[in-house]
């Protein structure tokens, strides 16, 4: 029992440390941009020792990736609970848009002008992964599925960027509806091409 309590205490301590470091990183990206930040800057902002930082993360990029990993897990869980998964494959989008709406400072740091290529590349990769996962059961050929995943993820990235950067008055539900409307034709083309490539059964005339 004592060991269990100690384990839970340790887990909470780790979670607090990770949370403080991620919050410091996001704050600094918003202020200075990714390229201008050092590990020492993050430690100073989080009031955490450098040795403690390296006990958890090998670099500031690993810290960044850990934040994206946490977001990926949360979005996958939400996608699994989507009520319309059969008709609309991208159940994670609603959660992503709502998260962006509730954490606009964070998303400006992730996709805004100060984020830098490294941050944007990791976020784009996250979106591509999530989109590709939802296309795996559609019978779409691998090369076409990869192309569609990059195309749709790129559109989602730019739509989020426009929404956050322009401070658009669109509500999260309206933005999701717009994304769905714009993306549905792309899905239709990808799926129809998959159907067209399937072999057609030919009946041999009876003699």
Protein backbone atom coordinates (compact mmCIF):
# COMPACT_ATOMS: atom_id res chain seq x y z
CA UNK A 1 0.00 0.00 0.00
CA UNK A 2 2.79 2.41 0.94
CA UNK A 3 4.55 1.60 -2.32
CA UNK A 4 1.39 2.38 -4.29
CA UNK A 5 1.02 5.75 -2.58
CA UNK A 6 4.67 6.55 -3.24
CA UNK A 7 4.21 5.62 -6.90
CA UNK A 8 1.18 7.88 -7.26
CA UNK A 9 3.03 10.73 -5.57
CA UNK A 10 5.94 10.26 -7.96
CA UNK A 11 3.59 10.21 -10.96
CA UNK A 12 1.96 13.45 -9.86
CA UNK A 13 5.37 15.04 -9.36
CA UNK A 14 6.44 14.02 -12.86
CA UNK A 15 3.18 15.32 -14.32
CA UNK A 16 3.66 18.67 -12.55
CA UNK A 17 7.24 18.93 -13.80
CA UNK A 18 6.23 18.12 -17.38
CA UNK A 19 3.33 20.56 -17.19
CA UNK A 20 5.52 23.37 -15.89
CA UNK A 21 8.14 22.78 -18.59
CA UNK A 22 5.56 22.66 -21.39
CA UNK A 23 3.88 25.82 -20.15
CA UNK A 24 7.25 27.56 -20.02
CA UNK A 25 8.10 26.40 -23.54
CA UNK A 26 4.80 27.62 -25.00
CA UNK A 27 5.14 30.96 -23.23
CA UNK A 28 8.65 31.45 -24.59
CA UNK A 29 7.70 30.45 -28.13
CA UNK A 30 4.94 33.07 -28.04
CA UNK A 31 7.39 35.72 -26.89
CA UNK A 32 10.60 34.93 -28.75
CA UNK A 33 10.03 32.20 -31.32
CA UNK A 34 11.33 28.64 -31.28
CA UNK A 35 14.83 29.30 -32.62
CA UNK A 36 15.63 31.90 -29.96
CA UNK A 37 14.88 29.59 -27.01
CA UNK A 38 17.45 27.52 -25.14
CA UNK A 39 16.96 24.74 -22.60
CA UNK A 40 18.25 27.13 -19.95
CA UNK A 41 15.56 29.65 -20.88
CA UNK A 42 12.90 26.99 -20.37
CA UNK A 43 14.37 25.96 -17.02
CA UNK A 44 14.55 29.55 -15.82
CA UNK A 45 10.96 30.25 -16.82
CA UNK A 46 9.69 27.04 -15.18
CA UNK A 47 11.93 27.53 -12.13
CA UNK A 48 13.28 24.02 -12.60
CA UNK A 49 16.92 22.96 -12.48
CA UNK A 50 18.76 22.05 -15.66
CA UNK A 51 19.63 18.60 -14.29
CA UNK A 52 15.92 17.99 -13.60
CA UNK A 53 15.09 18.96 -17.18
CA UNK A 54 17.57 16.46 -18.60
CA UNK A 55 16.29 13.76 -16.26
CA UNK A 56 13.02 13.98 -18.21
CA UNK A 57 13.91 15.23 -21.70
CA UNK A 58 17.00 15.03 -23.89
CA UNK A 59 16.32 18.38 -25.59
CA UNK A 60 13.75 21.13 -26.01
CA UNK A 61 12.54 19.31 -29.13
CA UNK A 62 11.84 16.16 -27.08
CA UNK A 63 9.85 18.33 -24.66
CA UNK A 64 7.87 19.68 -27.60
CA UNK A 65 7.22 16.18 -28.95
CA UNK A 66 5.96 15.01 -25.54
CA UNK A 67 3.31 17.72 -25.65
CA UNK A 68 2.20 16.62 -29.12
CA UNK A 69 2.12 12.99 -27.96
CA UNK A 70 -0.24 13.93 -25.15
CA UNK A 71 -2.47 15.85 -27.56
CA UNK A 72 -2.47 12.88 -29.98
CA UNK A 73 -3.66 10.50 -27.24
CA UNK A 74 -6.46 12.85 -26.22
CA UNK A 75 -7.65 13.36 -29.80
CA UNK A 76 -7.57 9.63 -30.57
CA UNK A 77 -9.70 8.96 -27.50
CA UNK A 78 -12.19 11.61 -28.56
CA UNK A 79 -12.32 10.26 -32.13
CA UNK A 80 -13.18 6.84 -30.76
CA UNK A 81 -16.25 8.28 -29.04
CA UNK A 82 -17.56 10.17 -32.08
CA UNK A 83 -21.19 9.30 -32.77
CA UNK A 84 -20.96 9.77 -36.55
CA UNK A 85 -17.78 7.79 -37.19
CA UNK A 86 -19.42 5.71 -39.93
CA UNK A 87 -20.34 8.70 -42.08
CA UNK A 88 -17.51 11.08 -41.14
CA UNK A 89 -14.08 9.55 -40.45
CA UNK A 90 -12.35 12.53 -38.84
CA UNK A 91 -13.86 12.47 -35.37
CA UNK A 92 -10.73 14.03 -33.87
CA UNK A 93 -11.28 17.33 -35.70
CA UNK A 94 -14.03 18.56 -33.38
CA UNK A 95 -11.85 18.02 -30.31
CA UNK A 96 -8.88 19.68 -32.01
CA UNK A 97 -10.88 22.77 -32.96
CA UNK A 98 -12.41 23.07 -29.50
CA UNK A 99 -8.96 22.66 -27.94
CA UNK A 100 -7.59 25.38 -30.22
CA UNK A 101 -10.48 27.68 -29.30
CA UNK A 102 -9.92 27.16 -25.56
CA UNK A 103 -6.13 27.48 -25.82
CA UNK A 104 -5.58 30.16 -28.43
CA UNK A 105 -2.27 31.34 -26.98
CA UNK A 106 -0.94 27.79 -27.18
CA UNK A 107 -2.06 27.37 -30.79
CA UNK A 108 -0.62 30.71 -31.86
CA UNK A 109 2.67 29.42 -30.47
CA UNK A 110 2.27 26.13 -32.37
CA UNK A 111 1.12 27.37 -35.79
CA UNK A 112 1.67 31.13 -35.68
CA UNK A 113 4.47 33.21 -37.15
CA UNK A 114 6.81 32.71 -34.18
CA UNK A 115 6.50 28.95 -34.03
CA UNK A 116 9.21 28.19 -36.58
CA UNK A 117 9.63 25.30 -38.99
CA UNK A 118 10.45 22.69 -36.32
CA UNK A 119 7.24 23.24 -34.35
CA UNK A 120 5.09 23.44 -37.47
CA UNK A 121 6.66 20.29 -38.91
CA UNK A 122 5.82 18.27 -35.81
CA UNK A 123 2.27 19.59 -35.71
CA UNK A 124 1.74 18.85 -39.41
CA UNK A 125 3.08 15.33 -38.84
CA UNK A 126 0.58 14.87 -36.00
CA UNK A 127 -2.29 15.91 -38.27
CA UNK A 128 -1.12 13.67 -41.12
CA UNK A 129 -0.92 10.69 -38.76
CA UNK A 130 -4.41 11.27 -37.39
CA UNK A 131 -5.92 11.73 -40.85
CA UNK A 132 -4.11 8.70 -42.30
CA UNK A 133 -5.33 6.49 -39.45
CA UNK A 134 -8.92 7.36 -40.32
CA UNK A 135 -8.42 6.45 -44.00
CA UNK A 136 -6.97 2.98 -43.45
CA UNK A 137 -10.31 1.16 -43.71
CA UNK A 138 -11.55 2.94 -46.82
CA UNK A 139 -9.99 0.57 -49.36
CA UNK A 140 -7.90 3.41 -50.81
CA UNK A 141 -4.57 2.45 -52.38
CA UNK A 142 -1.52 3.27 -50.25
CA UNK A 143 -0.08 5.99 -52.48
CA UNK A 144 -3.46 7.67 -52.92
CA UNK A 145 -4.17 7.40 -49.19
CA UNK A 146 -0.86 9.05 -48.34
CA UNK A 147 -1.54 11.82 -50.84
CA UNK A 148 -5.07 12.35 -49.47
CA UNK A 149 -3.77 12.38 -45.87
CA UNK A 150 -1.19 15.06 -46.68
CA UNK A 151 -3.74 17.07 -48.67
CA UNK A 152 -6.43 16.97 -45.97
CA UNK A 153 -4.00 17.54 -43.09
CA UNK A 154 -2.47 20.50 -44.92
CA UNK A 155 -5.91 22.00 -45.46
CA UNK A 156 -6.77 21.52 -41.77
CA UNK A 157 -3.48 23.13 -40.71
CA UNK A 158 -4.06 26.19 -42.88
CA UNK A 159 -7.71 26.48 -41.86
CA UNK A 160 -6.74 26.44 -38.17
CA UNK A 161 -3.96 28.94 -38.84
CA UNK A 162 -6.36 31.29 -40.62
CA UNK A 163 -8.99 30.93 -37.88
CA UNK A 164 -6.57 31.60 -35.01
CA UNK A 165 -4.46 34.27 -36.72
CA UNK A 166 -7.38 36.29 -38.10
CA UNK A 167 -9.35 35.98 -34.85
CA UNK A 168 -12.31 34.91 -36.96
CA UNK A 169 -15.71 35.15 -35.24
CA UNK A 170 -16.61 31.66 -36.46
CA UNK A 171 -17.62 29.34 -33.62
CA UNK A 172 -15.81 25.97 -33.33
CA UNK A 173 -18.91 24.16 -34.61
CA UNK A 174 -19.06 26.47 -37.65
CA UNK A 175 -15.38 25.90 -38.44
CA UNK A 176 -15.82 22.15 -38.18
CA UNK A 177 -18.84 22.33 -40.50
CA UNK A 178 -16.79 24.34 -43.00
CA UNK A 179 -13.93 21.84 -42.87
CA UNK A 180 -16.37 18.98 -43.36
CA UNK A 181 -18.00 20.72 -46.32
CA UNK A 182 -14.66 21.42 -47.99
CA UNK A 183 -13.21 17.98 -47.29
CA UNK A 184 -16.15 15.76 -48.25
CA UNK A 185 -15.55 16.14 -52.03
CA UNK A 186 -11.90 15.11 -51.57
CA UNK A 187 -13.00 11.99 -49.70
CA UNK A 188 -15.49 11.28 -52.45
CA UNK A 189 -12.83 11.45 -55.16
CA UNK A 190 -10.42 9.22 -53.21
CA UNK A 191 -13.11 6.65 -52.48
CA UNK A 192 -14.54 6.60 -55.98
CA UNK A 193 -11.11 6.05 -57.50
CA UNK A 194 -10.65 3.13 -55.12
CA UNK A 195 -13.98 1.68 -56.24
CA UNK A 196 -13.07 2.13 -59.91
CA UNK A 197 -9.86 0.14 -59.52
CA UNK A 198 -11.58 -2.88 -58.03
CA UNK A 199 -11.84 -5.74 -60.52
CA UNK A 200 -15.22 -6.09 -62.13
CA UNK A 201 -16.67 -9.58 -62.19
CA UNK A 202 -17.51 -10.74 -65.69
CA UNK A 203 -20.10 -13.37 -66.26
CA UNK A 204 -19.23 -16.11 -68.70
CA UNK A 205 -22.20 -16.67 -70.99
CA UNK A 206 -23.77 -20.09 -70.63
CA UNK A 207 -23.20 -22.40 -73.57
